[in-house]
Amino acid sequence: MSNSRFDTEQSELTLALPDAQATYQVGVELGRSLPVGTTLLLYGDLGSGKTTLTQGIGAGLGITDPIVSPTFTLINEYMEGRIPLYHFDLYRLATADATRLAPDLYWEGDEYEPGLVVIEWAERLQHHPAQYLQIKLSIAPTLESRTLHMIGIGGICPPPIPSPSEKLGSTSPESQC
């Protein structure tokens, strides 16, 4: 039985993540493969792996600075990787405050150098970009494993990601969208 599912008609990808290292490795693959201008909206309860995934994305981009959740600074900008990483954490904000933070200036790429935008606690956003990857992380009842569910919105497709049981660098089913 495979622990990944890819549905080309709905542009969805689901992975079972047995531990934090698997979550981090999926992030590394995303960091290596996502193109400039991609926005990731992350959803999930506290401890579901949003920051761990973002740390992996940073590693995949080639960022050597520590990736920490910007819970109090609200946004961290990392410019040293193959493309910039803009990491938002909206946990402490109400929807109106998240709007005033103007994350659209980052995903539109007009006022900031285009890069990869990762937004934790995206449910606090009032507006979304035209295209984005929605990633929902959920905690299994055992509290040790996670499930990642990625949906492409607005015509963007989730990249092929190896499931944690596959050797990194191998391919998962190709997207048809």
Protein backbone atom coordinates (compact mmCIF):
# COMPACT_ATOMS: atom_id res chain seq x y z
CA MET A 1 0.00 0.00 0.00
CA SER A 2 1.39 3.40 -1.00
CA ASN A 3 1.32 6.27 1.47
CA SER A 4 1.00 8.88 -1.26
CA ARG A 5 -1.93 9.69 -3.50
CA PHE A 6 -1.90 12.01 -6.45
CA ASP A 7 -5.16 12.96 -8.15
CA THR A 8 -4.42 14.70 -11.44
CA GLU A 9 -8.02 15.81 -12.01
CA GLN A 10 -8.20 17.71 -8.74
CA SER A 11 -4.51 18.66 -8.50
CA GLU A 12 -4.18 17.07 -5.09
CA LEU A 13 -1.38 15.28 -3.28
CA THR A 14 -1.66 13.47 0.05
CA LEU A 15 1.31 12.08 1.99
CA ALA A 16 1.53 10.17 5.24
CA LEU A 17 4.44 11.57 7.24
CA PRO A 18 5.64 9.16 9.94
CA ASP A 19 7.76 11.70 11.83
CA ALA A 20 9.17 15.25 11.88
CA GLN A 21 12.11 14.22 9.68
CA ALA A 22 9.70 13.11 6.93
CA THR A 23 7.91 16.48 7.18
CA TYR A 24 11.26 18.27 6.91
CA GLN A 25 12.28 16.14 3.88
CA VAL A 26 9.05 16.97 2.04
CA GLY A 27 9.91 20.62 2.68
CA VAL A 28 13.39 20.08 1.21
CA GLU A 29 11.82 18.65 -1.94
CA LEU A 30 9.45 21.62 -2.18
CA GLY A 31 12.33 24.06 -1.73
CA ARG A 32 14.28 22.36 -4.49
CA SER A 33 11.41 22.17 -6.96
CA LEU A 34 9.04 25.11 -6.55
CA PRO A 35 9.50 27.99 -8.98
CA VAL A 36 9.84 31.66 -8.12
CA GLY A 37 6.49 33.30 -7.48
CA THR A 38 4.92 30.32 -5.70
CA THR A 39 2.80 30.96 -2.60
CA LEU A 40 2.17 28.24 -0.01
CA LEU A 41 -0.72 28.72 2.40
CA LEU A 42 -0.22 26.45 5.42
CA TYR A 43 -3.05 25.23 7.64
CA GLY A 44 -2.91 23.02 10.72
CA ASP A 45 -3.15 22.94 14.48
CA LEU A 46 -0.30 23.88 16.81
CA GLY A 47 2.40 21.24 16.51
CA SER A 48 1.20 19.90 13.17
CA GLY A 49 4.52 20.61 11.43
CA LYS A 50 4.08 23.94 9.62
CA THR A 51 7.38 25.38 10.85
CA THR A 52 9.21 22.05 10.35
CA LEU A 53 7.98 21.98 6.74
CA THR A 54 9.15 25.59 6.26
CA GLN A 55 12.57 24.73 7.72
CA GLY A 56 12.87 21.99 5.12
CA ILE A 57 11.82 24.40 2.37
CA GLY A 58 14.58 26.76 3.48
CA ALA A 59 17.13 23.94 3.37
CA GLY A 60 15.92 22.96 -0.10
CA LEU A 61 16.40 26.56 -1.23
CA GLY A 62 19.98 26.51 0.08
CA ILE A 63 19.36 28.83 3.03
CA THR A 64 21.87 28.24 5.82
CA ASP A 65 20.44 30.70 8.36
CA PRO A 66 18.20 29.06 10.97
CA ILE A 67 14.54 29.15 9.90
CA VAL A 68 12.46 30.12 12.93
CA SER A 69 8.78 30.82 13.16
CA PRO A 70 8.21 34.59 13.05
CA THR A 71 5.43 34.44 15.66
CA PHE A 72 6.41 37.82 17.13
CA THR A 73 8.17 39.44 14.16
CA LEU A 74 5.34 38.28 11.81
CA ILE A 75 7.62 37.90 8.77
CA ASN A 76 11.16 36.71 8.20
CA GLU A 77 12.89 37.36 4.89
CA TYR A 78 15.67 35.01 3.77
CA MET A 79 17.50 36.29 0.70
CA GLU A 80 20.48 33.91 0.50
CA GLY A 81 18.88 30.88 -1.20
CA ARG A 82 18.34 30.15 -4.90
CA ILE A 83 15.26 32.39 -4.58
CA PRO A 84 14.09 34.54 -1.64
CA LEU A 85 11.91 32.98 1.04
CA TYR A 86 9.29 35.14 2.74
CA HIS A 87 7.99 33.35 5.84
CA PHE A 88 4.87 34.73 7.53
CA ASP A 89 3.31 33.56 10.80
CA LEU A 90 -0.19 34.95 11.34
CA TYR A 91 -0.94 33.02 14.55
CA ARG A 92 -1.24 36.09 16.77
CA LEU A 93 -3.20 38.19 14.27
CA ALA A 94 -6.87 38.77 13.63
CA THR A 95 -7.96 38.80 9.99
CA ALA A 96 -7.93 42.63 9.81
CA ASP A 97 -4.38 42.73 11.21
CA ALA A 98 -3.22 40.08 8.73
CA THR A 99 -4.64 42.21 5.90
CA ARG A 100 -2.74 45.28 7.15
CA LEU A 101 0.47 43.24 7.04
CA ALA A 102 -0.02 43.28 3.22
CA PRO A 103 1.20 39.79 2.28
CA ASP A 104 -0.12 40.45 -1.24
CA LEU A 105 2.84 42.78 -1.80
CA TYR A 106 5.07 39.71 -1.46
CA TRP A 107 3.10 37.24 -3.55
CA GLU A 108 2.49 39.77 -6.32
CA GLY A 109 6.24 40.42 -6.53
CA ASP A 110 5.89 44.09 -7.49
CA GLU A 111 7.40 45.74 -4.42
CA TYR A 112 9.53 42.84 -3.21
CA GLU A 113 11.85 40.60 -5.19
CA PRO A 114 9.80 37.62 -6.38
CA GLY A 115 10.45 34.52 -4.34
CA LEU A 116 8.66 31.80 -2.42
CA VAL A 117 5.99 33.00 0.03
CA VAL A 118 5.08 30.67 2.92
CA ILE A 119 2.25 31.72 5.21
CA GLU A 120 1.53 29.83 8.44
CA TRP A 121 -1.98 30.14 9.86
CA ALA A 122 -3.33 31.15 6.45
CA GLU A 123 -6.91 30.87 7.69
CA ARG A 124 -6.39 34.40 9.02
CA LEU A 125 -6.02 35.80 5.49
CA GLN A 126 -8.97 37.69 4.09
CA HIS A 127 -7.66 37.52 0.51
CA HIS A 128 -5.66 34.86 -1.32
CA PRO A 129 -3.43 35.04 -4.38
CA ALA A 130 -4.90 33.95 -7.71
CA GLN A 131 -2.68 30.85 -7.67
CA TYR A 132 -1.33 29.05 -4.63
CA LEU A 133 -0.67 25.71 -3.03
CA GLN A 134 -2.87 25.02 -0.03
CA ILE A 135 -1.16 22.66 2.42
CA LYS A 136 -3.07 21.17 5.33
CA LEU A 137 -1.08 19.34 7.97
CA SER A 138 -2.97 17.19 10.43
CA ILE A 139 -1.82 15.26 13.46
CA ALA A 140 -2.61 11.54 13.63
CA PRO A 141 -4.29 10.22 16.78
CA THR A 142 -0.97 8.70 17.88
CA LEU A 143 0.54 12.22 17.93
CA GLU A 144 3.67 10.87 16.24
CA SER A 145 2.72 10.97 12.57
CA ARG A 146 1.20 13.63 10.35
CA THR A 147 -0.75 13.78 7.11
CA LEU A 148 0.03 16.41 4.48
CA HIS A 149 -2.70 17.26 2.00
CA MET A 150 -1.73 19.66 -0.79
CA ILE A 151 -4.17 21.19 -3.27
CA GLY A 152 -3.29 23.40 -6.21
CA ILE A 153 -5.61 26.41 -6.48
CA GLY A 154 -6.00 28.58 -9.58
CA GLY A 155 -4.37 26.21 -12.06
CA ILE A 156 -1.16 25.53 -10.13
CA CYS A 157 -0.26 21.88 -9.59
CA PRO A 158 1.43 20.32 -6.58
CA PRO A 159 4.92 19.21 -7.61
CA PRO A 160 5.65 15.49 -7.64
CA ILE A 161 7.04 14.66 -4.19
CA PRO A 162 8.40 11.26 -3.20
CA SER A 163 6.54 9.71 -0.32
CA PRO A 164 8.63 9.32 2.82
CA SER A 165 8.94 5.59 2.14
CA GLU A 166 10.59 6.27 -1.21
CA LYS A 167 14.21 7.27 -1.60
CA LEU A 168 14.48 11.04 -2.01
CA GLY A 169 15.12 12.00 -5.58
CA SER A 170 12.75 9.36 -6.95
CA THR A 171 9.57 10.55 -8.57
CA SER A 172 5.95 10.29 -7.65
CA PRO A 173 3.26 10.22 -10.36
CA GLU A 174 3.54 13.06 -12.85
CA SER A 175 0.92 15.76 -12.91
CA GLN A 176 -1.35 16.05 -15.90
CA CYS A 177 -2.69 19.51 -15.07
